[in-house]
Amino acid sequence: MPDQGQFCRGGWRSYNACGLDIALVVRRTLTQIGHGDGRWGVDLDRLQLMTCLTRQSFEIGDAVDSGEELGAGDQGTVFGYACSETPSLMPAPIAIAHALMSKHKQVRFAEALGDFGPDAKAQATIRYEGGKPASISTLVLSTQHREDLDLATVRDMVRALIVEPELERLRVKADRILINPGGTFTLGGPVADAGLTGRKIIVDTYGGHCRHGGGAFSGKDPTKVDRSGAYGARQLAKTIVAAGLASHCEVRASYAIGHPEPVSVAFDTFGTGCSRDIEALLAHRGIDARTVLSPSSLIERLDLRRCLYAPVAAFGHFGSDGLPWERPMLAEQ
């Protein structure tokens, strides 16, 4: 099958029409993940790519672009969240899980022998006391590994190279650690299980620590408020927690397709803050919640026309330094 394009309903669509070499992007990304040499199940020399590009529905395009101000690209409700459990104002369970996966990647690329493969996942179950994290009750990490490594060796290596150093850095302890609890894990990625549906909406956000509107982020342009609205809601929630007005804050925004502002915005501090204080803070900083959560404001303020897809494809969309929606809003914004 040729890399260059594919015939689909509506006619031939070549990637050259949009100026993208899609085959190059795919192969380069797979190589960066660790699939460049074919050892982990994806052989680039045998990879067949089919590309089919079509235009967005003109009805959706008209709804978004027909007015003086950009309208929302879809209807739906999005949520943003922040809490004081970690320096990044992220919930402790998802922050620990992402930290472990970042360490896994660091070890994976530092190991000359390539003991661990690209397919891996981590999970942290936290015991809370008085509404605050007390300890890690169970930590789970599963990783793909070389076929010639027995399970006991893999578990010892993961504990010594990834889990223990990261827990020491975070100054936390785990009551129970499960490493590859399902047994050996030599087959991974699309060769083992092509079950990607919904694009990991919980691990991309807050690990289930707050509500979720159900919309995935991956691949959506910034007019789609599933993505941009969730970014803005996170920034608002972080602004409130960073200001010390609440230890937990969830921002909920609902949109109607084609409308330039959300139809509703609501705050929930779960009893840790006062709505009057939040209103006073926003007024003092010149922030109108509906205005700053409009697609036009989000795209301009957060610079969402700049490509920020690859940096958030792993380790979540929130909690990392350098992302524009991670900066609390100031008066001049």
Protein backbone atom coordinates (compact mmCIF):
# COMPACT_ATOMS: atom_id res chain seq x y z
CA MET A 1 0.00 0.00 0.00
CA PRO A 2 1.56 3.35 -0.96
CA ASP A 3 2.49 5.88 1.72
CA GLN A 4 1.45 8.78 -0.49
CA GLY A 5 -2.31 8.66 -0.10
CA GLN A 6 -5.47 6.67 -0.54
CA PHE A 7 -8.67 6.95 -2.55
CA CYS A 8 -11.70 7.54 -0.33
CA ARG A 9 -15.26 8.74 -0.69
CA GLY A 10 -15.23 12.13 -2.34
CA GLY A 11 -12.12 11.43 -4.40
CA TRP A 12 -8.38 11.16 -4.05
CA ARG A 13 -6.84 13.04 -1.13
CA SER A 14 -3.10 13.50 -1.26
CA TYR A 15 -1.27 14.71 1.84
CA ASN A 16 0.53 17.20 -0.40
CA ALA A 17 -2.72 19.18 -0.57
CA CYS A 18 -2.23 20.23 3.06
CA GLY A 19 1.54 20.43 2.95
CA LEU A 20 2.14 17.52 5.31
CA ASP A 21 4.26 14.46 4.68
CA ILE A 22 2.12 12.23 6.87
CA ALA A 23 4.21 9.12 6.27
CA LEU A 24 7.32 10.96 7.45
CA VAL A 25 5.53 12.22 10.57
CA VAL A 26 4.28 8.73 11.45
CA ARG A 27 7.63 7.03 10.93
CA ARG A 28 9.53 9.74 12.79
CA THR A 29 7.13 9.55 15.74
CA LEU A 30 7.36 5.76 15.94
CA THR A 31 11.15 6.03 15.89
CA GLN A 32 11.14 8.60 18.70
CA ILE A 33 8.91 6.34 20.80
CA GLY A 34 11.36 3.48 20.41
CA HIS A 35 10.10 1.51 17.42
CA GLY A 36 12.93 2.47 15.09
CA ASP A 37 14.70 -0.90 15.05
CA GLY A 38 11.69 -3.22 15.00
CA ARG A 39 12.58 -5.02 18.25
CA TRP A 40 9.33 -4.10 20.00
CA GLY A 41 6.85 -5.35 17.42
CA VAL A 42 6.57 -2.52 14.90
CA ASP A 43 8.84 -3.01 11.89
CA LEU A 44 9.10 0.24 9.94
CA ASP A 45 10.43 -1.62 6.89
CA ARG A 46 7.17 -3.58 6.68
CA LEU A 47 4.84 -0.84 7.86
CA GLN A 48 2.03 0.03 5.45
CA LEU A 49 0.33 3.40 5.82
CA MET A 50 -3.03 4.46 4.42
CA THR A 51 -3.92 8.15 4.55
CA CYS A 52 -7.36 9.52 3.85
CA LEU A 53 -7.91 13.26 4.30
CA THR A 54 -11.30 14.93 3.89
CA ARG A 55 -12.63 18.36 4.67
CA GLN A 56 -14.66 19.13 7.76
CA SER A 57 -18.42 19.41 7.25
CA PHE A 58 -19.27 22.82 5.80
CA GLU A 59 -22.16 23.03 8.30
CA ILE A 60 -19.77 22.77 11.23
CA GLY A 61 -17.39 25.24 9.59
CA ASP A 62 -20.20 27.73 9.02
CA ALA A 63 -21.35 27.41 12.64
CA VAL A 64 -17.84 28.15 13.90
CA ASP A 65 -16.79 30.91 11.49
CA SER A 66 -19.99 32.62 10.38
CA GLY A 67 -20.22 35.22 13.16
CA GLU A 68 -18.04 38.20 14.04
CA GLU A 69 -16.44 36.14 16.80
CA LEU A 70 -15.31 32.53 16.59
CA GLY A 71 -17.95 30.08 17.79
CA ALA A 72 -17.47 26.86 19.71
CA GLY A 73 -16.74 23.91 17.45
CA ASP A 74 -19.11 21.62 19.31
CA GLN A 75 -21.54 21.46 22.19
CA GLY A 76 -20.68 19.81 25.49
CA THR A 77 -19.46 20.28 29.04
CA VAL A 78 -15.81 20.42 30.07
CA PHE A 79 -14.14 20.39 33.47
CA GLY A 80 -10.95 21.86 34.86
CA TYR A 81 -9.49 20.99 38.24
CA ALA A 82 -6.72 21.99 40.61
CA CYS A 83 -5.86 21.07 44.18
CA SER A 84 -3.11 21.77 46.70
CA GLU A 85 -1.96 18.15 47.05
CA THR A 86 1.17 18.63 44.91
CA PRO A 87 3.38 21.57 43.83
CA SER A 88 1.88 21.33 40.33
CA LEU A 89 -1.62 21.61 41.87
CA MET A 90 -2.47 18.21 40.45
CA PRO A 91 -4.06 15.31 42.37
CA ALA A 92 -1.41 13.13 44.03
CA PRO A 93 -2.38 9.79 42.36
CA ILE A 94 -2.07 10.98 38.76
CA ALA A 95 1.01 13.09 39.55
CA ILE A 96 2.80 10.04 40.99
CA ALA A 97 1.74 7.85 38.07
CA HIS A 98 3.05 10.38 35.52
CA ALA A 99 6.29 10.75 37.48
CA LEU A 100 6.85 7.00 37.36
CA MET A 101 6.22 6.88 33.62
CA SER A 102 8.62 9.77 33.03
CA LYS A 103 11.25 7.87 34.99
CA HIS A 104 10.47 4.73 32.96
CA LYS A 105 11.12 6.63 29.74
CA GLN A 106 14.36 8.07 31.11
CA VAL A 107 15.61 4.62 32.10
CA ARG A 108 14.41 3.02 28.87
CA PHE A 109 16.45 5.37 26.69
CA ALA A 110 19.47 5.37 29.02
CA GLU A 111 19.78 1.57 29.02
CA ALA A 112 22.22 0.52 26.30
CA LEU A 113 20.75 -2.99 26.12
CA GLY A 114 17.18 -1.77 25.79
CA ASP A 115 15.72 -3.96 28.53
CA PHE A 116 12.33 -2.21 28.60
CA GLY A 117 9.97 -1.55 25.69
CA PRO A 118 7.75 1.41 24.83
CA ASP A 119 4.52 -0.15 26.11
CA ALA A 120 4.11 0.59 29.83
CA LYS A 121 1.65 2.02 32.32
CA ALA A 122 1.57 3.01 35.98
CA GLN A 123 -1.13 3.48 38.60
CA ALA A 124 -1.07 4.83 42.16
CA THR A 125 -3.78 4.19 44.75
CA ILE A 126 -3.62 6.73 47.55
CA ARG A 127 -4.98 6.39 51.09
CA TYR A 128 -6.49 9.67 52.29
CA GLU A 129 -6.92 10.83 55.87
CA GLY A 130 -8.99 13.92 56.61
CA GLY A 131 -9.22 14.65 52.90
CA LYS A 132 -5.44 14.72 52.46
CA PRO A 133 -3.05 12.14 50.95
CA ALA A 134 -1.54 9.98 53.70
CA SER A 135 0.29 7.18 51.89
CA ILE A 136 0.39 5.07 48.76
CA SER A 137 -1.56 1.93 49.51
CA THR A 138 -0.79 0.22 46.18
CA LEU A 139 1.49 1.14 43.32
CA VAL A 140 1.24 -0.74 40.02
CA LEU A 141 3.71 -0.56 37.13
CA SER A 142 3.68 -2.83 34.08
CA THR A 143 6.31 -2.65 31.37
CA GLN A 144 7.14 -4.45 28.17
CA HIS A 145 10.55 -6.15 28.36
CA ARG A 146 13.05 -8.24 26.44
CA GLU A 147 12.09 -11.86 25.78
CA ASP A 148 15.29 -13.21 27.36
CA LEU A 149 14.58 -11.59 30.76
CA ASP A 150 12.73 -13.74 33.26
CA LEU A 151 9.93 -12.20 35.31
CA ALA A 152 11.85 -12.08 38.59
CA THR A 153 14.71 -10.19 36.94
CA VAL A 154 12.32 -7.72 35.34
CA ARG A 155 10.63 -7.02 38.66
CA ASP A 156 13.95 -6.52 40.44
CA MET A 157 15.18 -4.15 37.70
CA VAL A 158 11.98 -2.08 37.66
CA ARG A 159 12.02 -1.75 41.42
CA ALA A 160 15.72 -0.80 41.56
CA LEU A 161 15.89 1.48 38.51
CA ILE A 162 12.46 3.12 38.44
CA VAL A 163 10.21 2.69 41.45
CA GLU A 164 12.55 3.10 44.41
CA PRO A 165 14.53 6.08 43.02
CA GLU A 166 11.32 7.90 42.07
CA LEU A 167 9.62 7.27 45.40
CA GLU A 168 12.75 8.50 47.16
CA ARG A 169 12.77 11.64 45.03
CA LEU A 170 9.10 12.26 45.80
CA ARG A 171 9.68 11.43 49.49
CA VAL A 172 6.82 8.98 49.62
CA LYS A 173 6.50 5.29 50.45
CA ALA A 174 4.24 2.57 49.10
CA ASP A 175 2.66 -0.10 51.27
CA ARG A 176 2.43 -2.50 48.34
CA ILE A 177 4.21 -2.50 44.96
CA LEU A 178 2.98 -4.63 42.07
CA ILE A 179 5.32 -4.92 39.08
CA ASN A 180 4.04 -6.72 35.98
CA PRO A 181 1.30 -8.39 38.04
CA GLY A 182 -0.02 -10.12 34.92
CA GLY A 183 3.28 -11.94 34.37
CA THR A 184 5.68 -11.63 31.46
CA PHE A 185 5.07 -8.76 29.04
CA THR A 186 7.12 -9.21 25.87
CA LEU A 187 4.46 -8.39 23.27
CA GLY A 188 3.22 -4.81 23.38
CA GLY A 189 1.85 -1.94 21.37
CA PRO A 190 -0.44 -2.48 18.37
CA VAL A 191 0.98 -5.96 17.78
CA ALA A 192 -0.45 -7.16 21.10
CA ASP A 193 -3.68 -5.21 21.47
CA ALA A 194 -5.12 -2.55 19.17
CA GLY A 195 -7.80 -1.36 21.59
CA LEU A 196 -7.36 2.42 21.50
CA THR A 197 -10.78 3.99 21.95
CA GLY A 198 -11.55 7.42 23.40
CA ARG A 199 -7.87 8.33 23.63
CA LYS A 200 -7.20 7.85 27.37
CA ILE A 201 -9.40 10.69 28.58
CA ILE A 202 -8.79 10.00 32.28
CA VAL A 203 -5.00 9.64 32.20
CA ASP A 204 -4.85 12.73 29.96
CA THR A 205 -6.62 14.75 32.68
CA TYR A 206 -6.80 14.15 36.44
CA GLY A 207 -6.87 10.38 36.91
CA GLY A 208 -10.57 10.35 37.71
CA HIS A 209 -10.12 12.76 40.62
CA CYS A 210 -12.86 15.02 39.29
CA ARG A 211 -15.66 14.82 36.75
CA HIS A 212 -15.03 14.54 33.03
CA GLY A 213 -17.17 15.72 30.13
CA GLY A 214 -16.27 12.62 28.10
CA GLY A 215 -14.55 14.32 25.17
CA ALA A 216 -11.05 13.20 24.20
CA PHE A 217 -8.34 15.80 23.50
CA SER A 218 -6.25 14.01 20.93
CA GLY A 219 -6.24 15.37 17.39
CA LYS A 220 -8.72 18.18 17.96
CA ASP A 221 -8.07 21.70 16.73
CA PRO A 222 -8.52 24.55 19.25
CA THR A 223 -12.04 25.45 18.08
CA LYS A 224 -13.09 22.12 19.62
CA VAL A 225 -13.85 23.10 23.19
CA ASP A 226 -13.36 19.52 24.39
CA ARG A 227 -9.71 20.48 24.25
CA SER A 228 -9.41 24.28 24.48
CA GLY A 229 -12.27 24.71 26.96
CA ALA A 230 -10.73 22.09 29.25
CA TYR A 231 -7.42 23.96 29.09
CA GLY A 232 -9.10 27.23 30.04
CA ALA A 233 -11.06 25.58 32.85
CA ARG A 234 -7.82 24.16 34.26
CA GLN A 235 -6.22 27.61 34.16
CA LEU A 236 -9.15 29.15 36.02
CA ALA A 237 -9.16 26.40 38.64
CA LYS A 238 -5.42 26.74 39.12
CA THR A 239 -5.74 30.51 39.45
CA ILE A 240 -8.17 30.06 42.34
CA VAL A 241 -6.12 27.42 44.18
CA ALA A 242 -2.83 29.26 43.61
CA ALA A 243 -4.40 32.36 45.15
CA GLY A 244 -5.15 30.37 48.31
CA LEU A 245 -8.93 30.75 48.04
CA ALA A 246 -9.57 26.98 48.05
CA SER A 247 -7.58 23.77 48.38
CA HIS A 248 -9.72 22.07 45.73
CA CYS A 249 -11.48 23.72 42.82
CA GLU A 250 -13.41 22.33 39.87
CA VAL A 251 -14.52 24.60 37.03
CA ARG A 252 -17.37 23.47 34.80
CA ALA A 253 -18.13 25.14 31.47
CA SER A 254 -20.88 24.21 29.02
CA TYR A 255 -20.85 25.20 25.35
CA ALA A 256 -23.28 25.33 22.44
CA ILE A 257 -21.93 24.85 18.92
CA GLY A 258 -21.51 28.15 17.11
CA HIS A 259 -21.87 30.29 20.25
CA PRO A 260 -18.90 32.57 20.98
CA GLU A 261 -19.05 32.12 24.78
CA PRO A 262 -19.94 29.23 27.09
CA VAL A 263 -23.62 29.13 28.03
CA SER A 264 -22.70 28.52 31.67
CA VAL A 265 -19.68 28.53 33.98
CA ALA A 266 -19.75 27.15 37.53
CA PHE A 267 -17.24 26.64 40.34
CA ASP A 268 -17.14 23.91 43.00
CA THR A 269 -14.61 24.09 45.84
CA PHE A 270 -16.01 21.05 47.69
CA GLY A 271 -16.40 23.06 50.87
CA THR A 272 -12.82 24.33 50.88
CA GLY A 273 -13.53 27.85 49.63
CA CYS A 274 -16.11 30.63 49.43
CA SER A 275 -17.84 31.62 46.18
CA ARG A 276 -17.83 35.29 47.22
CA ASP A 277 -14.03 35.19 47.56
CA ILE A 278 -13.73 33.66 44.09
CA GLU A 279 -15.99 36.30 42.58
CA ALA A 280 -13.94 39.02 44.30
CA LEU A 281 -10.66 37.58 43.00
CA LEU A 282 -11.92 37.37 39.43
CA ALA A 283 -13.33 40.90 39.61
CA HIS A 284 -10.07 42.23 41.07
CA ARG A 285 -8.07 40.66 38.26
CA GLY A 286 -10.51 41.82 35.61
CA ILE A 287 -11.50 38.27 34.68
CA ASP A 288 -14.91 37.53 33.26
CA ALA A 289 -15.23 33.75 33.34
CA ARG A 290 -17.40 33.47 30.23
CA THR A 291 -15.23 35.82 28.21
CA VAL A 292 -11.92 34.14 29.05
CA LEU A 293 -13.41 30.73 28.26
CA SER A 294 -14.62 31.75 24.79
CA PRO A 295 -12.85 29.98 21.90
CA SER A 296 -11.40 33.26 20.59
CA SER A 297 -9.97 34.23 23.99
CA LEU A 298 -8.60 30.75 24.62
CA ILE A 299 -6.89 30.51 21.24
CA GLU A 300 -5.27 33.94 21.58
CA ARG A 301 -4.38 33.84 25.28
CA LEU A 302 -3.05 30.28 25.30
CA ASP A 303 -1.46 30.51 21.83
CA LEU A 304 -3.33 27.40 20.69
CA ARG A 305 -2.62 27.92 16.98
CA ARG A 306 0.96 27.01 17.82
CA CYS A 307 1.38 23.26 17.55
CA LEU A 308 1.31 21.77 21.06
CA TYR A 309 0.25 18.25 20.18
CA ALA A 310 3.42 16.20 20.61
CA PRO A 311 4.41 17.60 24.05
CA VAL A 312 1.11 16.44 25.57
CA ALA A 313 0.78 13.11 23.75
CA ALA A 314 2.24 11.38 26.84
CA PHE A 315 2.29 12.12 30.58
CA GLY A 316 -0.99 14.04 30.49
CA HIS A 317 -2.11 17.48 29.37
CA PHE A 318 -1.86 19.10 32.80
CA GLY A 319 0.75 19.64 35.49
CA SER A 320 3.82 20.16 33.29
CA ASP A 321 5.83 23.37 33.37
CA GLY A 322 5.90 25.43 30.19
CA LEU A 323 2.32 24.81 29.07
CA PRO A 324 0.47 28.13 28.73
CA TRP A 325 -2.68 26.95 30.53
CA GLU A 326 -0.54 26.00 33.55
CA ARG A 327 0.17 29.69 34.25
CA PRO A 328 -2.42 31.24 36.62
CA MET A 329 -4.25 34.21 35.16
CA LEU A 330 -3.03 37.66 36.17
CA ALA A 331 -4.71 41.04 36.02
CA GLU A 332 -3.03 42.02 32.74
CA GLN A 333 -4.48 38.93 31.04
